[in-house]
Amino acid sequence: MKIKFWGVRGSVPAPLTGAQVEEKIRKALFFYQFHIKINPGNPMHNYQFHEISTYGGNTSCVEIIAGNERIACDMGTGFRLLGNALFGEVFKTKILRLTVLLSHLHWDHIQGLPFFGELYLNKESGFKNDFTFYGGTNWQSGVESCLQGQMDPPLFPVSFKEIEDQTAKLQMNTVHDQMSFKIGEAVVKTRKLNHPQETYGYRIEHSGKVFVYATDNEPYDPLYPDPKLLDLAKGADVLVIDCQYTKNIYEGKVGGVPRHGWGHSYPEAVAQIALQAGVKKMTLFHHDPASTDEQIYQMEQNTQNLVHALGGNTKVIAAYEGLEIEL
């Protein structure tokens, strides 16, 4: 499997401001002048990722290539970037087959759909695009009604009905807890997570490798992870896990407002999941829109230290736009 991250933020998009970019440049120039004196051959080697780059501001979207199948986990604003990247291939082949696994329907997980360009490639022009969506069973409306709602006039200039009329194939499927189905040769398993409104995590198994997508989940107890989540993540080669807050922010010791019941996690809880599920690599995801690149980096380091302190050897990475992992 090949995995690529197109959007890693939670709640709302969080692009860098001009002032933040300017501050990054100023710091990078200052440290360059320092490092070139002590390491003139390769001064850039001394920089950390967050000092010269950014984790990104687009909301949730992860692409998985499993054999001949292309799968997208969620359709946040990063979904638009995925669509843009596929245009060249689609115009050559005249076909795109894409399966979308929806964790839930909060805006940060679906708001990229209206801007996914391949939806507008008309079948009358020879395009044979095929989109299949999977989502929960107990939403107040079905998958199609919910996705359609954000595009109903006057909210968007093109209605979902128009897209259905011009796109070659749009198929909607419902999922429930402990469901199993196949996408090509990949086996997908679902578990229900702890988040306001019905939310699902997905386990994708292909060619002996395991990828798990478990965003938007709140721990019941940081020391005793939810058995459903442990079942989902057991032995995963890569676990993408919600880690939006620090524990102090979650408890309201920083920021003034406790985040209990908001449906998100923190390093102490996800470190236990990595240890107890035997995860090889854990990717922190759904970064708080208020978190700076420096704060996300510190959360990554803190989580890795917690894993080591517990006796685990899981590799911890903070997800960033453009991150690619091959299994």
C-alpha atoms as a PDB file:
ATOM      1  CA  MET A   1       0.000   0.000   0.000  1.00  0.00           C
ATOM      2  CA  LYS A   2       0.983   3.593  -0.596  1.00  0.00           C
ATOM      3  CA  ILE A   3      -0.367   6.311   1.675  1.00  0.00           C
ATOM      4  CA  LYS A   4      -0.330  10.057   1.074  1.00  0.00           C
ATOM      5  CA  PHE A   5      -1.657  12.837   3.307  1.00  0.00           C
ATOM      6  CA  TRP A   6      -3.503  15.687   1.590  1.00  0.00           C
ATOM      7  CA  GLY A   7      -5.090  17.331   4.635  1.00  0.00           C
ATOM      8  CA  VAL A   8      -4.181  16.886   8.315  1.00  0.00           C
ATOM      9  CA  ARG A   9      -6.019  19.610  10.270  1.00  0.00           C
ATOM     10  CA  GLY A  10      -9.188  19.273  12.279  1.00  0.00           C
ATOM     11  CA  SER A  11     -12.266  21.447  12.771  1.00  0.00           C
ATOM     12  CA  VAL A  12     -11.505  24.218  10.249  1.00  0.00           C
ATOM     13  CA  PRO A  13      -8.731  24.957   7.720  1.00  0.00           C
ATOM     14  CA  ALA A  14      -5.784  26.789   9.253  1.00  0.00           C
ATOM     15  CA  PRO A  15      -3.513  28.338   6.585  1.00  0.00           C
ATOM     16  CA  LEU A  16      -0.370  30.152   7.671  1.00  0.00           C
ATOM     17  CA  THR A  17      -0.771  33.902   7.956  1.00  0.00           C
ATOM     18  CA  GLY A  18       1.614  36.343   6.322  1.00  0.00           C
ATOM     19  CA  ALA A  19       3.059  37.196   9.726  1.00  0.00           C
ATOM     20  CA  GLN A  20       3.732  33.506  10.455  1.00  0.00           C
ATOM     21  CA  VAL A  21       5.490  33.021   7.115  1.00  0.00           C
ATOM     22  CA  GLU A  22       7.590  36.120   7.726  1.00  0.00           C
ATOM     23  CA  GLU A  23       8.558  34.849  11.186  1.00  0.00           C
ATOM     24  CA  LYS A  24       9.580  31.457   9.739  1.00  0.00           C
ATOM     25  CA  ILE A  25      11.793  33.163   7.154  1.00  0.00           C
ATOM     26  CA  ARG A  26      13.364  35.418   9.779  1.00  0.00           C
ATOM     27  CA  LYS A  27      14.184  32.495  12.088  1.00  0.00           C
ATOM     28  CA  ALA A  28      15.454  30.334   9.223  1.00  0.00           C
ATOM     29  CA  LEU A  29      17.837  33.073   8.047  1.00  0.00           C
ATOM     30  CA  PHE A  30      19.098  33.660  11.572  1.00  0.00           C
ATOM     31  CA  PHE A  31      19.810  29.965  12.184  1.00  0.00           C
ATOM     32  CA  TYR A  32      21.336  29.570   8.717  1.00  0.00           C
ATOM     33  CA  GLN A  33      23.904  32.240   9.539  1.00  0.00           C
ATOM     34  CA  PHE A  34      24.699  30.376  12.756  1.00  0.00           C
ATOM     35  CA  HIS A  35      24.793  26.852  11.307  1.00  0.00           C
ATOM     36  CA  ILE A  36      26.896  27.732   8.244  1.00  0.00           C
ATOM     37  CA  LYS A  37      29.727  28.636  10.614  1.00  0.00           C
ATOM     38  CA  ILE A  38      29.653  25.283  12.420  1.00  0.00           C
ATOM     39  CA  ASN A  39      28.650  23.090   9.469  1.00  0.00           C
ATOM     40  CA  PRO A  40      29.543  24.902   6.218  1.00  0.00           C
ATOM     41  CA  GLY A  41      29.161  21.754   4.119  1.00  0.00           C
ATOM     42  CA  ASN A  42      25.496  21.163   4.934  1.00  0.00           C
ATOM     43  CA  PRO A  43      23.984  23.887   7.102  1.00  0.00           C
ATOM     44  CA  MET A  44      20.406  22.826   6.270  1.00  0.00           C
ATOM     45  CA  HIS A  45      21.024  19.504   8.019  1.00  0.00           C
ATOM     46  CA  ASN A  46      20.615  21.220  11.365  1.00  0.00           C
ATOM     47  CA  TYR A  47      17.031  22.351  10.765  1.00  0.00           C
ATOM     48  CA  GLN A  48      13.973  20.547  12.119  1.00  0.00           C
ATOM     49  CA  PHE A  49      11.032  20.067   9.736  1.00  0.00           C
ATOM     50  CA  HIS A  50       8.787  22.595  11.467  1.00  0.00           C
ATOM     51  CA  GLU A  51      11.450  25.305  11.262  1.00  0.00           C
ATOM     52  CA  ILE A  52      11.623  25.441   7.477  1.00  0.00           C
ATOM     53  CA  SER A  53       8.281  23.937   6.445  1.00  0.00           C
ATOM     54  CA  THR A  54       4.701  23.570   7.707  1.00  0.00           C
ATOM     55  CA  TYR A  55       2.390  20.717   8.641  1.00  0.00           C
ATOM     56  CA  GLY A  56      -0.276  22.348   6.497  1.00  0.00           C
ATOM     57  CA  GLY A  57      -3.667  23.940   6.936  1.00  0.00           C
ATOM     58  CA  ASN A  58      -6.079  21.724   4.958  1.00  0.00           C
ATOM     59  CA  THR A  59      -8.594  19.494   6.714  1.00  0.00           C
ATOM     60  CA  SER A  60      -8.756  15.713   6.743  1.00  0.00           C
ATOM     61  CA  CYS A  61      -7.974  13.677   3.638  1.00  0.00           C
ATOM     62  CA  VAL A  62      -5.704  10.636   3.297  1.00  0.00           C
ATOM     63  CA  GLU A  63      -5.168   8.721   0.043  1.00  0.00           C
ATOM     64  CA  ILE A  64      -4.385   4.991  -0.026  1.00  0.00           C
ATOM     65  CA  ILE A  65      -3.325   3.011  -3.082  1.00  0.00           C
ATOM     66  CA  ALA A  66      -3.983  -0.702  -2.505  1.00  0.00           C
ATOM     67  CA  GLY A  67      -3.139  -2.717  -5.600  1.00  0.00           C
ATOM     68  CA  ASN A  68      -5.280  -1.264  -8.401  1.00  0.00           C
ATOM     69  CA  GLU A  69      -7.642   0.542  -6.040  1.00  0.00           C
ATOM     70  CA  ARG A  70      -7.507   4.188  -4.964  1.00  0.00           C
ATOM     71  CA  ILE A  71      -9.154   4.951  -1.613  1.00  0.00           C
ATOM     72  CA  ALA A  72      -9.663   8.296   0.120  1.00  0.00           C
ATOM     73  CA  CYS A  73     -10.324   8.499   3.838  1.00  0.00           C
ATOM     74  CA  ASP A  74     -12.498  11.603   4.301  1.00  0.00           C
ATOM     75  CA  MET A  75     -13.023  14.611   2.042  1.00  0.00           C
ATOM     76  CA  GLY A  76     -11.836  17.702   3.911  1.00  0.00           C
ATOM     77  CA  THR A  77     -10.270  20.579   1.990  1.00  0.00           C
ATOM     78  CA  GLY A  78      -7.288  18.324   1.252  1.00  0.00           C
ATOM     79  CA  PHE A  79      -9.631  16.391  -1.071  1.00  0.00           C
ATOM     80  CA  ARG A  80      -9.444  19.292  -3.520  1.00  0.00           C
ATOM     81  CA  LEU A  81      -5.648  18.919  -3.691  1.00  0.00           C
ATOM     82  CA  LEU A  82      -5.995  15.203  -4.376  1.00  0.00           C
ATOM     83  CA  GLY A  83      -8.354  15.941  -7.249  1.00  0.00           C
ATOM     84  CA  ASN A  84      -5.979  18.508  -8.711  1.00  0.00           C
ATOM     85  CA  ALA A  85      -3.108  16.005  -8.582  1.00  0.00           C
ATOM     86  CA  LEU A  86      -5.131  13.394 -10.496  1.00  0.00           C
ATOM     87  CA  PHE A  87      -6.223  15.593 -13.405  1.00  0.00           C
ATOM     88  CA  GLY A  88      -3.276  14.738 -15.653  1.00  0.00           C
ATOM     89  CA  GLU A  89      -3.836  10.998 -15.324  1.00  0.00           C
ATOM     90  CA  VAL A  90      -7.611  11.248 -15.694  1.00  0.00           C
ATOM     91  CA  PHE A  91      -7.444  13.328 -18.865  1.00  0.00           C
ATOM     92  CA  LYS A  92      -5.201  10.652 -20.399  1.00  0.00           C
ATOM     93  CA  THR A  93      -7.179   7.585 -19.327  1.00  0.00           C
ATOM     94  CA  LYS A  94     -10.683   9.150 -19.286  1.00  0.00           C
ATOM     95  CA  ILE A  95     -11.457   7.220 -16.096  1.00  0.00           C
ATOM     96  CA  LEU A  96     -11.070   7.598 -12.339  1.00  0.00           C
ATOM     97  CA  ARG A  97     -12.244   4.894  -9.960  1.00  0.00           C
ATOM     98  CA  LEU A  98     -12.261   6.192  -6.378  1.00  0.00           C
ATOM     99  CA  THR A  99     -13.682   4.794  -3.143  1.00  0.00           C
ATOM    100  CA  VAL A 100     -14.283   7.218  -0.269  1.00  0.00           C
ATOM    101  CA  LEU A 101     -14.453   6.022   3.340  1.00  0.00           C
ATOM    102  CA  LEU A 102     -16.222   8.637   5.455  1.00  0.00           C
ATOM    103  CA  SER A 103     -15.466   8.690   9.165  1.00  0.00           C
ATOM    104  CA  HIS A 104     -18.428  11.037   9.735  1.00  0.00           C
ATOM    105  CA  LEU A 105     -20.036  14.108   8.218  1.00  0.00           C
ATOM    106  CA  HIS A 106     -18.762  17.075  10.201  1.00  0.00           C
ATOM    107  CA  TRP A 107     -17.796  19.840   7.798  1.00  0.00           C
ATOM    108  CA  ASP A 108     -14.041  19.421   8.138  1.00  0.00           C
ATOM    109  CA  HIS A 109     -14.447  15.907   6.706  1.00  0.00           C
ATOM    110  CA  ILE A 110     -16.690  16.642   3.704  1.00  0.00           C
ATOM    111  CA  GLN A 111     -16.121  20.275   2.695  1.00  0.00           C
ATOM    112  CA  GLY A 112     -13.683  19.363  -0.079  1.00  0.00           C
ATOM    113  CA  LEU A 113     -16.242  17.364  -2.058  1.00  0.00           C
ATOM    114  CA  PRO A 114     -17.763  20.314  -4.000  1.00  0.00           C
ATOM    115  CA  PHE A 115     -14.240  21.315  -5.101  1.00  0.00           C
ATOM    116  CA  PHE A 116     -13.106  17.880  -6.314  1.00  0.00           C
ATOM    117  CA  GLY A 117     -12.681  18.670  -9.997  1.00  0.00           C
ATOM    118  CA  GLU A 118     -13.231  15.195 -11.432  1.00  0.00           C
ATOM    119  CA  LEU A 119     -16.857  15.275 -10.274  1.00  0.00           C
ATOM    120  CA  TYR A 120     -17.533  17.758 -13.078  1.00  0.00           C
ATOM    121  CA  LEU A 121     -16.006  15.750 -15.946  1.00  0.00           C
ATOM    122  CA  ASN A 122     -19.055  14.959 -18.019  1.00  0.00           C
ATOM    123  CA  LYS A 123     -19.779  11.378 -19.069  1.00  0.00           C
ATOM    124  CA  GLU A 124     -21.075  12.726 -22.380  1.00  0.00           C
ATOM    125  CA  SER A 125     -17.495  13.853 -23.086  1.00  0.00           C
ATOM    126  CA  GLY A 126     -16.247  10.288 -22.726  1.00  0.00           C
ATOM    127  CA  PHE A 127     -15.233  10.266 -19.060  1.00  0.00           C
ATOM    128  CA  LYS A 128     -16.147   7.097 -17.183  1.00  0.00           C
ATOM    129  CA  ASN A 129     -15.508   8.136 -13.617  1.00  0.00           C
ATOM    130  CA  ASP A 130     -16.727   5.849 -10.854  1.00  0.00           C
ATOM    131  CA  PHE A 131     -17.173   7.124  -7.273  1.00  0.00           C
ATOM    132  CA  THR A 132     -18.214   4.892  -4.370  1.00  0.00           C
ATOM    133  CA  PHE A 133     -18.923   6.315  -0.907  1.00  0.00           C
ATOM    134  CA  TYR A 134     -19.169   4.467   2.417  1.00  0.00           C
ATOM    135  CA  GLY A 135     -20.655   6.087   5.542  1.00  0.00           C
ATOM    136  CA  GLY A 136     -22.647   5.423   8.712  1.00  0.00           C
ATOM    137  CA  THR A 137     -26.135   4.006   9.162  1.00  0.00           C
ATOM    138  CA  ASN A 138     -27.579   6.072  12.007  1.00  0.00           C
ATOM    139  CA  TRP A 139     -27.010   9.580  10.683  1.00  0.00           C
ATOM    140  CA  GLN A 140     -30.160  11.706  10.731  1.00  0.00           C
ATOM    141  CA  SER A 141     -30.143  11.429   6.940  1.00  0.00           C
ATOM    142  CA  GLY A 142     -28.496   8.971   4.578  1.00  0.00           C
ATOM    143  CA  VAL A 143     -25.036   9.502   3.108  1.00  0.00           C
ATOM    144  CA  GLU A 144     -26.390  10.968  -0.117  1.00  0.00           C
ATOM    145  CA  SER A 145     -28.764  13.392   1.622  1.00  0.00           C
ATOM    146  CA  CYS A 146     -26.002  14.658   3.915  1.00  0.00           C
ATOM    147  CA  LEU A 147     -23.500  15.191   1.117  1.00  0.00           C
ATOM    148  CA  GLN A 148     -26.171  16.793  -1.009  1.00  0.00           C
ATOM    149  CA  GLY A 149     -27.137  19.201   1.772  1.00  0.00           C
ATOM    150  CA  GLN A 150     -23.913  21.205   1.699  1.00  0.00           C
ATOM    151  CA  MET A 151     -24.408  21.815  -2.035  1.00  0.00           C
ATOM    152  CA  ASP A 152     -28.107  22.636  -2.093  1.00  0.00           C
ATOM    153  CA  PRO A 153     -28.841  26.134  -3.448  1.00  0.00           C
ATOM    154  CA  PRO A 154     -28.119  28.769  -2.281  1.00  0.00           C
ATOM    155  CA  LEU A 155     -25.154  27.149  -0.465  1.00  0.00           C
ATOM    156  CA  PHE A 156     -23.302  26.167  -3.662  1.00  0.00           C
ATOM    157  CA  PRO A 157     -23.773  27.069  -7.346  1.00  0.00           C
ATOM    158  CA  VAL A 158     -23.875  23.452  -8.568  1.00  0.00           C
ATOM    159  CA  SER A 159     -26.407  21.087  -7.032  1.00  0.00           C
ATOM    160  CA  PHE A 160     -25.637  17.485  -6.168  1.00  0.00           C
ATOM    161  CA  LYS A 161     -28.397  16.456  -8.571  1.00  0.00           C
ATOM    162  CA  GLU A 162     -26.517  18.086 -11.457  1.00  0.00           C
ATOM    163  CA  ILE A 163     -23.397  16.142 -10.516  1.00  0.00           C
ATOM    164  CA  GLU A 164     -25.353  12.892 -10.377  1.00  0.00           C
ATOM    165  CA  ASP A 165     -26.743  13.587 -13.843  1.00  0.00           C
ATOM    166  CA  GLN A 166     -23.364  14.207 -15.465  1.00  0.00           C
ATOM    167  CA  THR A 167     -21.039  11.839 -13.584  1.00  0.00           C
ATOM    168  CA  ALA A 168     -20.729   8.289 -14.895  1.00  0.00           C
ATOM    169  CA  LYS A 169     -21.340   6.549 -11.566  1.00  0.00           C
ATOM    170  CA  LEU A 170     -22.049   7.603  -7.985  1.00  0.00           C
ATOM    171  CA  GLN A 171     -22.770   4.828  -5.518  1.00  0.00           C
ATOM    172  CA  MET A 172     -23.651   5.263  -1.813  1.00  0.00           C
ATOM    173  CA  ASN A 173     -23.198   2.523   0.793  1.00  0.00           C
ATOM    174  CA  THR A 174     -23.908   2.413   4.507  1.00  0.00           C
ATOM    175  CA  VAL A 175     -21.639   0.900   7.158  1.00  0.00           C
ATOM    176  CA  HIS A 176     -22.121  -0.259  10.728  1.00  0.00           C
ATOM    177  CA  ASP A 177     -19.925  -1.424  13.575  1.00  0.00           C
ATOM    178  CA  GLN A 178     -17.868  -4.579  12.926  1.00  0.00           C
ATOM    179  CA  MET A 179     -18.676  -4.583   9.235  1.00  0.00           C
ATOM    180  CA  SER A 180     -16.269  -6.120   6.697  1.00  0.00           C
ATOM    181  CA  PHE A 181     -16.216  -5.576   2.938  1.00  0.00           C
ATOM    182  CA  LYS A 182     -13.774  -5.649   0.038  1.00  0.00           C
ATOM    183  CA  ILE A 183     -12.427  -2.922  -2.236  1.00  0.00           C
ATOM    184  CA  GLY A 184     -10.694  -4.851  -4.979  1.00  0.00           C
ATOM    185  CA  GLU A 185      -8.333  -7.185  -3.129  1.00  0.00           C
ATOM    186  CA  ALA A 186      -8.229  -4.992  -0.009  1.00  0.00           C
ATOM    187  CA  VAL A 187     -10.311  -6.014   3.003  1.00  0.00           C
ATOM    188  CA  VAL A 188     -11.886  -3.154   4.975  1.00  0.00           C
ATOM    189  CA  LYS A 189     -13.149  -3.521   8.548  1.00  0.00           C
ATOM    190  CA  THR A 190     -15.074  -0.922  10.545  1.00  0.00           C
ATOM    191  CA  ARG A 191     -15.362  -0.034  14.227  1.00  0.00           C
ATOM    192  CA  LYS A 192     -17.488   2.678  15.777  1.00  0.00           C
ATOM    193  CA  LEU A 193     -15.523   5.398  17.583  1.00  0.00           C
ATOM    194  CA  ASN A 194     -16.321   7.760  20.472  1.00  0.00           C
ATOM    195  CA  HIS A 195     -17.230  11.085  18.879  1.00  0.00           C
ATOM    196  CA  PRO A 196     -20.355  13.297  18.768  1.00  0.00           C
ATOM    197  CA  GLN A 197     -22.616  11.813  16.101  1.00  0.00           C
ATOM    198  CA  GLU A 198     -21.857   8.445  14.568  1.00  0.00           C
ATOM    199  CA  THR A 199     -18.183   8.107  13.602  1.00  0.00           C
ATOM    200  CA  TYR A 200     -16.214   5.174  12.217  1.00  0.00           C
ATOM    201  CA  GLY A 201     -12.621   4.066  12.022  1.00  0.00           C
ATOM    202  CA  TYR A 202     -11.410   1.892   9.142  1.00  0.00           C
ATOM    203  CA  ARG A 203      -8.877  -0.924   9.004  1.00  0.00           C
ATOM    204  CA  ILE A 204      -7.546  -1.672   5.514  1.00  0.00           C
ATOM    205  CA  GLU A 205      -5.664  -4.942   4.977  1.00  0.00           C
ATOM    206  CA  HIS A 206      -3.844  -5.639   1.716  1.00  0.00           C
ATOM    207  CA  SER A 207      -0.945  -7.939   0.790  1.00  0.00           C
ATOM    208  CA  GLY A 208      -0.161  -8.690   4.424  1.00  0.00           C
ATOM    209  CA  LYS A 209      -0.034  -5.012   5.452  1.00  0.00           C
ATOM    210  CA  VAL A 210      -2.427  -3.130   7.729  1.00  0.00           C
ATOM    211  CA  PHE A 211      -3.373   0.559   7.574  1.00  0.00           C
ATOM    212  CA  VAL A 212      -5.775   2.004  10.150  1.00  0.00           C
ATOM    213  CA  TYR A 213      -7.572   5.346   9.989  1.00  0.00           C
ATOM    214  CA  ALA A 214      -9.027   6.343  13.365  1.00  0.00           C
ATOM    215  CA  THR A 215      -9.593  10.064  13.498  1.00  0.00           C
ATOM    216  CA  ASP A 216     -12.031  11.937  15.773  1.00  0.00           C
ATOM    217  CA  ASN A 217     -12.022   9.662  18.811  1.00  0.00           C
ATOM    218  CA  GLU A 218     -12.125  10.632  22.481  1.00  0.00           C
ATOM    219  CA  PRO A 219     -10.670   8.295  25.131  1.00  0.00           C
ATOM    220  CA  TYR A 220     -12.971   7.025  27.855  1.00  0.00           C
ATOM    221  CA  ASP A 221      -9.924   6.489  30.066  1.00  0.00           C
ATOM    222  CA  PRO A 222      -6.341   7.328  29.005  1.00  0.00           C
ATOM    223  CA  LEU A 223      -4.930   4.208  30.695  1.00  0.00           C
ATOM    224  CA  TYR A 224      -7.532   1.784  29.353  1.00  0.00           C
ATOM    225  CA  PRO A 225      -8.200   2.367  25.635  1.00  0.00           C
ATOM    226  CA  ASP A 226     -11.573   1.514  24.154  1.00  0.00           C
ATOM    227  CA  PRO A 227     -11.537  -2.221  23.253  1.00  0.00           C
ATOM    228  CA  LYS A 228     -13.140  -1.344  19.885  1.00  0.00           C
ATOM    229  CA  LEU A 229     -10.248   0.958  19.043  1.00  0.00           C
ATOM    230  CA  LEU A 230      -7.682  -1.611  20.180  1.00  0.00           C
ATOM    231  CA  ASP A 231      -9.395  -4.203  17.993  1.00  0.00           C
ATOM    232  CA  LEU A 232      -9.248  -1.839  15.026  1.00  0.00           C
ATOM    233  CA  ALA A 233      -5.575  -0.934  15.558  1.00  0.00           C
ATOM    234  CA  LYS A 234      -4.189  -4.334  16.595  1.00  0.00           C
ATOM    235  CA  GLY A 235      -0.842  -5.001  14.896  1.00  0.00           C
ATOM    236  CA  ALA A 236      -1.215  -2.088  12.470  1.00  0.00           C
ATOM    237  CA  ASP A 237       1.756  -1.189  10.305  1.00  0.00           C
ATOM    238  CA  VAL A 238       0.450   2.395  10.268  1.00  0.00           C
ATOM    239  CA  LEU A 239      -2.141   3.891  12.610  1.00  0.00           C
ATOM    240  CA  VAL A 240      -3.489   7.353  11.777  1.00  0.00           C
ATOM    241  CA  ILE A 241      -4.871   8.610  15.083  1.00  0.00           C
ATOM    242  CA  ASP A 242      -6.628  11.726  16.328  1.00  0.00           C
ATOM    243  CA  CYS A 243      -4.357  13.703  18.667  1.00  0.00           C
ATOM    244  CA  GLN A 244      -5.808  17.188  18.534  1.00  0.00           C
ATOM    245  CA  TYR A 245      -5.015  18.447  22.050  1.00  0.00           C
ATOM    246  CA  THR A 246      -2.443  18.309  24.764  1.00  0.00           C
ATOM    247  CA  LYS A 247      -3.782  16.806  28.001  1.00  0.00           C
ATOM    248  CA  ASN A 248      -3.698  20.245  29.671  1.00  0.00           C
ATOM    249  CA  ILE A 249      -5.800  21.735  26.873  1.00  0.00           C
ATOM    250  CA  TYR A 250      -8.197  18.776  26.999  1.00  0.00           C
ATOM    251  CA  GLU A 251      -8.667  19.236  30.752  1.00  0.00           C
ATOM    252  CA  GLY A 252      -9.056  23.019  30.495  1.00  0.00           C
ATOM    253  CA  LYS A 253      -5.853  23.825  32.404  1.00  0.00           C
ATOM    254  CA  VAL A 254      -4.713  25.716  29.291  1.00  0.00           C
ATOM    255  CA  GLY A 255      -7.202  27.698  27.255  1.00  0.00           C
ATOM    256  CA  GLY A 256      -9.738  27.883  30.057  1.00  0.00           C
ATOM    257  CA  VAL A 257     -12.391  25.582  28.574  1.00  0.00           C
ATOM    258  CA  PRO A 258     -12.298  21.795  29.098  1.00  0.00           C
ATOM    259  CA  ARG A 259     -12.668  19.826  25.880  1.00  0.00           C
ATOM    260  CA  HIS A 260     -14.477  16.884  27.484  1.00  0.00           C
ATOM    261  CA  GLY A 261     -17.110  15.512  25.140  1.00  0.00           C
ATOM    262  CA  TRP A 262     -15.663  17.230  22.077  1.00  0.00           C
ATOM    263  CA  GLY A 263     -14.535  13.897  20.620  1.00  0.00           C
ATOM    264  CA  HIS A 264     -10.759  14.290  20.409  1.00  0.00           C
ATOM    265  CA  SER A 265      -7.659  12.836  22.013  1.00  0.00           C
ATOM    266  CA  TYR A 266      -4.222  13.727  23.446  1.00  0.00           C
ATOM    267  CA  PRO A 267      -0.707  12.172  23.675  1.00  0.00           C
ATOM    268  CA  GLU A 268      -1.096  10.238  26.945  1.00  0.00           C
ATOM    269  CA  ALA A 269      -4.078   8.341  25.548  1.00  0.00           C
ATOM    270  CA  VAL A 270      -2.721   7.605  22.071  1.00  0.00           C
ATOM    271  CA  ALA A 271       0.602   6.401  23.527  1.00  0.00           C
ATOM    272  CA  GLN A 272      -1.338   3.712  25.393  1.00  0.00           C
ATOM    273  CA  ILE A 273      -3.136   2.699  22.211  1.00  0.00           C
ATOM    274  CA  ALA A 274       0.173   2.340  20.360  1.00  0.00           C
ATOM    275  CA  LEU A 275       1.600   0.203  23.155  1.00  0.00           C
ATOM    276  CA  GLN A 276      -1.400  -2.025  23.807  1.00  0.00           C
ATOM    277  CA  ALA A 277      -2.280  -2.542  20.131  1.00  0.00           C
ATOM    278  CA  GLY A 278       1.318  -3.253  19.094  1.00  0.00           C
ATOM    279  CA  VAL A 279       1.387  -0.555  16.422  1.00  0.00           C
ATOM    280  CA  LYS A 280       4.561  -0.230  14.336  1.00  0.00           C
ATOM    281  CA  LYS A 281       4.120   3.397  13.217  1.00  0.00           C
ATOM    282  CA  MET A 282       1.652   5.929  14.600  1.00  0.00           C
ATOM    283  CA  THR A 283       0.801   9.125  12.745  1.00  0.00           C
ATOM    284  CA  LEU A 284      -0.694  11.951  14.803  1.00  0.00           C
ATOM    285  CA  PHE A 285      -3.567  13.549  12.914  1.00  0.00           C
ATOM    286  CA  HIS A 286      -6.404  16.098  13.053  1.00  0.00           C
ATOM    287  CA  HIS A 287      -4.179  18.867  14.403  1.00  0.00           C
ATOM    288  CA  ASP A 288      -5.938  21.661  16.254  1.00  0.00           C
ATOM    289  CA  PRO A 289      -6.378  24.738  14.007  1.00  0.00           C
ATOM    290  CA  ALA A 290      -4.927  26.814  16.884  1.00  0.00           C
ATOM    291  CA  SER A 291      -1.723  24.750  17.044  1.00  0.00           C
ATOM    292  CA  THR A 292       1.406  26.249  15.499  1.00  0.00           C
ATOM    293  CA  ASP A 293       3.966  24.139  13.681  1.00  0.00           C
ATOM    294  CA  GLU A 294       6.186  24.382  16.766  1.00  0.00           C
ATOM    295  CA  GLN A 295       3.376  23.114  19.009  1.00  0.00           C
ATOM    296  CA  ILE A 296       2.617  20.185  16.690  1.00  0.00           C
ATOM    297  CA  TYR A 297       6.318  19.293  16.689  1.00  0.00           C
ATOM    298  CA  GLN A 298       6.399  19.409  20.492  1.00  0.00           C
ATOM    299  CA  MET A 299       3.333  17.131  20.620  1.00  0.00           C
ATOM    300  CA  GLU A 300       5.093  14.658  18.341  1.00  0.00           C
ATOM    301  CA  GLN A 301       8.170  14.657  20.585  1.00  0.00           C
ATOM    302  CA  ASN A 302       6.077  14.345  23.737  1.00  0.00           C
ATOM    303  CA  THR A 303       4.122  11.412  22.354  1.00  0.00           C
ATOM    304  CA  GLN A 304       7.290   9.623  21.243  1.00  0.00           C
ATOM    305  CA  ASN A 305       8.802  10.115  24.714  1.00  0.00           C
ATOM    306  CA  LEU A 306       5.649   8.742  26.350  1.00  0.00           C
ATOM    307  CA  VAL A 307       5.757   5.643  24.133  1.00  0.00           C
ATOM    308  CA  HIS A 308       9.394   5.027  25.060  1.00  0.00           C
ATOM    309  CA  ALA A 309       8.668   5.604  28.748  1.00  0.00           C
ATOM    310  CA  LEU A 310       5.992   2.898  28.572  1.00  0.00           C
ATOM    311  CA  GLY A 311       8.513   0.490  27.052  1.00  0.00           C
ATOM    312  CA  GLY A 312       7.110   0.648  23.544  1.00  0.00           C
ATOM    313  CA  ASN A 313       8.989   1.023  20.267  1.00  0.00           C
ATOM    314  CA  THR A 314       6.273   2.530  18.055  1.00  0.00           C
ATOM    315  CA  LYS A 315       7.613   5.216  15.714  1.00  0.00           C
ATOM    316  CA  VAL A 316       5.604   8.443  16.128  1.00  0.00           C
ATOM    317  CA  ILE A 317       5.176  10.980  13.306  1.00  0.00           C
ATOM    318  CA  ALA A 318       3.064  14.133  13.217  1.00  0.00           C
ATOM    319  CA  ALA A 319       1.214  14.020   9.893  1.00  0.00           C
ATOM    320  CA  TYR A 320       1.911  16.798   7.395  1.00  0.00           C
ATOM    321  CA  GLU A 321       0.576  17.586   3.951  1.00  0.00           C
ATOM    322  CA  GLY A 322       2.587  15.658   1.379  1.00  0.00           C
ATOM    323  CA  LEU A 323       3.766  12.975   3.796  1.00  0.00           C
ATOM    324  CA  GLU A 324       4.063   9.653   1.939  1.00  0.00           C
ATOM    325  CA  ILE A 325       4.362   6.219   3.503  1.00  0.00           C
ATOM    326  CA  GLU A 326       4.884   3.004   1.563  1.00  0.00           C
ATOM    327  CA  LEU A 327       4.145  -0.424   3.041  1.00  0.00           C
END
